[in-house]
Amino acid sequence: MGLLIVVVFGLFVGVLAKLLLPGKDPGGWIVTSLLGIAGSWVGHLLFSSIGMTGLASSIIGAILGAMLLLLLVRVIRART
């Protein structure tokens, strides 16, 4: 059940990141979900390293982390 929650949350965060960064993106729902899950992890690590904890900072960190990864994927795809 926990894995399902992580995937659904990752999908939600990935969709929000794509909405906040419009443009041509590679991949479909699977890539969106993976970016959201990885972005949640990256955002959590970044925010917790500076001492920001709590639900609101976790959600904001997850979205910012997913946006960062989405930009990184765009840059890598543009160079190839």
N, C-alpha and C. Protein backbone atom coordinates (compact mmCIF):
# COMPACT_ATOMS: atom_id res chain seq x y z
N MET A 1 0.82 -1.20 0.00
CA MET A 1 0.00 0.00 0.00
C MET A 1 0.86 1.25 0.00
N GLY A 2 1.98 1.23 0.71
CA GLY A 2 2.87 2.39 0.78
C GLY A 2 3.45 2.73 -0.58
N LEU A 3 3.79 1.69 -1.37
CA LEU A 3 4.34 1.92 -2.70
C LEU A 3 3.31 2.59 -3.61
N LEU A 4 2.07 2.19 -3.49
CA LEU A 4 1.00 2.80 -4.28
C LEU A 4 0.86 4.28 -3.94
N ILE A 5 0.96 4.62 -2.66
CA ILE A 5 0.86 6.01 -2.24
C ILE A 5 2.03 6.82 -2.81
N VAL A 6 3.22 6.25 -2.80
CA VAL A 6 4.39 6.93 -3.35
C VAL A 6 4.22 7.17 -4.84
N VAL A 7 3.72 6.20 -5.57
CA VAL A 7 3.52 6.35 -7.01
C VAL A 7 2.46 7.40 -7.30
N VAL A 8 1.35 7.38 -6.59
CA VAL A 8 0.29 8.37 -6.80
C VAL A 8 0.78 9.77 -6.45
N PHE A 9 1.50 9.91 -5.33
CA PHE A 9 2.06 11.21 -4.96
C PHE A 9 3.08 11.67 -5.99
N GLY A 10 3.92 10.76 -6.48
CA GLY A 10 4.89 11.09 -7.51
C GLY A 10 4.23 11.53 -8.80
N LEU A 11 3.17 10.87 -9.18
CA LEU A 11 2.43 11.26 -10.37
C LEU A 11 1.83 12.65 -10.20
N PHE A 12 1.26 12.91 -9.04
CA PHE A 12 0.68 14.23 -8.74
C PHE A 12 1.76 15.31 -8.80
N VAL A 13 2.90 15.06 -8.18
CA VAL A 13 3.99 16.04 -8.16
C VAL A 13 4.56 16.22 -9.57
N GLY A 14 4.71 15.15 -10.31
CA GLY A 14 5.21 15.24 -11.68
C GLY A 14 4.29 16.04 -12.58
N VAL A 15 2.98 15.85 -12.44
CA VAL A 15 2.02 16.61 -13.23
C VAL A 15 2.08 18.09 -12.85
N LEU A 16 2.17 18.38 -11.56
CA LEU A 16 2.30 19.78 -11.13
C LEU A 16 3.56 20.42 -11.70
N ALA A 17 4.67 19.68 -11.68
CA ALA A 17 5.92 20.21 -12.22
C ALA A 17 5.79 20.50 -13.71
N LYS A 18 5.12 19.61 -14.44
CA LYS A 18 4.93 19.84 -15.88
C LYS A 18 4.00 21.01 -16.14
N LEU A 19 3.00 21.20 -15.28
CA LEU A 19 2.11 22.35 -15.44
C LEU A 19 2.83 23.66 -15.15
N LEU A 20 3.74 23.65 -14.18
CA LEU A 20 4.46 24.86 -13.82
C LEU A 20 5.61 25.16 -14.79
N LEU A 21 6.06 24.17 -15.53
CA LEU A 21 7.11 24.35 -16.54
C LEU A 21 6.58 23.88 -17.89
N PRO A 22 5.76 24.70 -18.53
CA PRO A 22 5.19 24.27 -19.81
C PRO A 22 6.27 24.16 -20.88
N GLY A 23 6.01 23.32 -21.83
CA GLY A 23 6.94 23.11 -22.93
C GLY A 23 6.93 21.67 -23.37
N LYS A 24 7.74 21.38 -24.37
CA LYS A 24 7.80 20.02 -24.90
C LYS A 24 8.66 19.17 -23.98
N ASP A 25 8.07 18.11 -23.48
CA ASP A 25 8.76 17.22 -22.56
C ASP A 25 8.76 15.80 -23.11
N PRO A 26 9.85 15.09 -22.85
CA PRO A 26 9.89 13.69 -23.28
C PRO A 26 9.09 12.81 -22.34
N GLY A 27 8.53 11.77 -22.88
CA GLY A 27 7.87 10.77 -22.04
C GLY A 27 6.41 11.04 -21.78
N GLY A 28 5.78 10.04 -21.25
CA GLY A 28 4.37 10.14 -20.92
C GLY A 28 4.15 10.03 -19.43
N TRP A 29 3.12 9.28 -19.06
CA TRP A 29 2.74 9.16 -17.65
C TRP A 29 3.81 8.47 -16.81
N ILE A 30 4.48 7.51 -17.38
CA ILE A 30 5.50 6.79 -16.62
C ILE A 30 6.67 7.71 -16.30
N VAL A 31 7.14 8.46 -17.29
CA VAL A 31 8.24 9.39 -17.06
C VAL A 31 7.81 10.48 -16.08
N THR A 32 6.57 10.95 -16.22
CA THR A 32 6.05 11.96 -15.30
C THR A 32 6.05 11.45 -13.88
N SER A 33 5.60 10.23 -13.70
CA SER A 33 5.57 9.63 -12.36
C SER A 33 6.97 9.44 -11.81
N LEU A 34 7.90 8.95 -12.63
CA LEU A 34 9.27 8.75 -12.17
C LEU A 34 9.95 10.07 -11.82
N LEU A 35 9.71 11.10 -12.63
CA LEU A 35 10.26 12.42 -12.31
C LEU A 35 9.68 12.95 -11.00
N GLY A 36 8.41 12.72 -10.79
CA GLY A 36 7.78 13.17 -9.54
C GLY A 36 8.31 12.44 -8.33
N ILE A 37 8.49 11.13 -8.45
CA ILE A 37 9.02 10.35 -7.33
C ILE A 37 10.46 10.75 -7.04
N ALA A 38 11.28 10.83 -8.08
CA ALA A 38 12.68 11.23 -7.88
C ALA A 38 12.77 12.67 -7.39
N GLY A 39 11.92 13.53 -7.92
CA GLY A 39 11.91 14.92 -7.49
C GLY A 39 11.49 15.07 -6.04
N SER A 40 10.57 14.24 -5.62
CA SER A 40 10.17 14.25 -4.21
C SER A 40 11.34 13.88 -3.32
N TRP A 41 12.09 12.91 -3.74
CA TRP A 41 13.26 12.48 -2.97
C TRP A 41 14.32 13.58 -2.93
N VAL A 42 14.61 14.17 -4.10
CA VAL A 42 15.61 15.24 -4.17
C VAL A 42 15.17 16.44 -3.35
N GLY A 43 13.92 16.84 -3.50
CA GLY A 43 13.41 17.98 -2.75
C GLY A 43 13.44 17.74 -1.25
N HIS A 44 13.08 16.54 -0.85
CA HIS A 44 13.13 16.20 0.58
C HIS A 44 14.56 16.29 1.11
N LEU A 45 15.50 15.76 0.37
CA LEU A 45 16.90 15.82 0.80
C LEU A 45 17.39 17.26 0.90
N LEU A 46 17.07 18.07 -0.10
CA LEU A 46 17.52 19.46 -0.09
C LEU A 46 16.90 20.24 1.06
N PHE A 47 15.59 20.10 1.24
CA PHE A 47 14.91 20.87 2.28
C PHE A 47 15.29 20.39 3.67
N SER A 48 15.44 19.09 3.86
CA SER A 48 15.81 18.60 5.19
C SER A 48 17.25 18.95 5.53
N SER A 49 18.11 19.09 4.52
CA SER A 49 19.50 19.46 4.79
C SER A 49 19.63 20.89 5.29
N ILE A 50 18.66 21.74 4.97
CA ILE A 50 18.70 23.11 5.47
C ILE A 50 17.77 23.30 6.66
N GLY A 51 17.23 22.21 7.16
CA GLY A 51 16.45 22.24 8.39
C GLY A 51 14.97 22.51 8.23
N MET A 52 14.46 22.47 7.01
CA MET A 52 13.03 22.71 6.80
C MET A 52 12.31 21.36 6.83
N THR A 53 11.43 21.19 7.81
CA THR A 53 10.67 19.96 7.92
C THR A 53 9.19 20.31 8.02
N GLY A 54 8.37 19.31 7.86
CA GLY A 54 6.92 19.51 7.93
C GLY A 54 6.27 19.17 6.61
N LEU A 55 4.96 19.10 6.64
CA LEU A 55 4.20 18.69 5.46
C LEU A 55 4.29 19.72 4.34
N ALA A 56 4.10 20.99 4.66
CA ALA A 56 4.13 22.03 3.63
C ALA A 56 5.49 22.11 2.96
N SER A 57 6.55 22.08 3.74
CA SER A 57 7.88 22.15 3.14
C SER A 57 8.19 20.89 2.36
N SER A 58 7.64 19.76 2.76
CA SER A 58 7.85 18.52 2.01
C SER A 58 7.18 18.59 0.64
N ILE A 59 5.98 19.11 0.60
CA ILE A 59 5.25 19.22 -0.67
C ILE A 59 5.94 20.23 -1.58
N ILE A 60 6.32 21.38 -1.03
CA ILE A 60 7.01 22.39 -1.83
C ILE A 60 8.35 21.86 -2.32
N GLY A 61 9.08 21.20 -1.44
CA GLY A 61 10.36 20.61 -1.83
C GLY A 61 10.20 19.56 -2.91
N ALA A 62 9.15 18.75 -2.81
CA ALA A 62 8.90 17.72 -3.82
C ALA A 62 8.63 18.35 -5.18
N ILE A 63 7.82 19.39 -5.21
CA ILE A 63 7.49 20.05 -6.47
C ILE A 63 8.73 20.72 -7.05
N LEU A 64 9.49 21.43 -6.22
CA LEU A 64 10.71 22.09 -6.70
C LEU A 64 11.74 21.07 -7.17
N GLY A 65 11.85 19.95 -6.47
CA GLY A 65 12.76 18.90 -6.88
C GLY A 65 12.36 18.29 -8.22
N ALA A 66 11.07 18.07 -8.42
CA ALA A 66 10.59 17.53 -9.69
C ALA A 66 10.81 18.53 -10.82
N MET A 67 10.62 19.82 -10.53
CA MET A 67 10.87 20.85 -11.54
C MET A 67 12.35 20.88 -11.92
N LEU A 68 13.21 20.75 -10.93
CA LEU A 68 14.66 20.73 -11.17
C LEU A 68 15.04 19.54 -12.04
N LEU A 69 14.50 18.38 -11.75
CA LEU A 69 14.80 17.20 -12.56
C LEU A 69 14.22 17.32 -13.97
N LEU A 70 13.04 17.93 -14.09
CA LEU A 70 12.44 18.13 -15.40
C LEU A 70 13.32 19.06 -16.25
N LEU A 71 13.83 20.12 -15.65
CA LEU A 71 14.75 21.01 -16.37
C LEU A 71 16.02 20.28 -16.77
N LEU A 72 16.52 19.45 -15.89
CA LEU A 72 17.73 18.68 -16.17
C LEU A 72 17.50 17.72 -17.34
N VAL A 73 16.35 17.06 -17.35
CA VAL A 73 16.02 16.15 -18.45
C VAL A 73 15.91 16.93 -19.76
N ARG A 74 15.32 18.11 -19.72
CA ARG A 74 15.20 18.93 -20.93
C ARG A 74 16.58 19.32 -21.47
N VAL A 75 17.48 19.71 -20.59
CA VAL A 75 18.82 20.10 -21.01
C VAL A 75 19.57 18.92 -21.61
N ILE A 76 19.46 17.77 -20.97
CA ILE A 76 20.15 16.58 -21.49
C ILE A 76 19.58 16.18 -22.84
N ARG A 77 18.26 16.23 -22.98
CA ARG A 77 17.62 15.87 -24.26
C ARG A 77 17.97 16.86 -25.36
N ALA A 78 18.13 18.14 -25.01
CA ALA A 78 18.45 19.16 -26.00
C ALA A 78 19.87 18.99 -26.54
N ARG A 79 20.75 18.47 -25.72
CA ARG A 79 22.15 18.29 -26.13
C ARG A 79 22.37 17.03 -26.96
N THR A 80 21.42 16.10 -26.94
CA THR A 80 21.62 14.87 -27.71
C THR A 80 20.89 14.90 -29.01
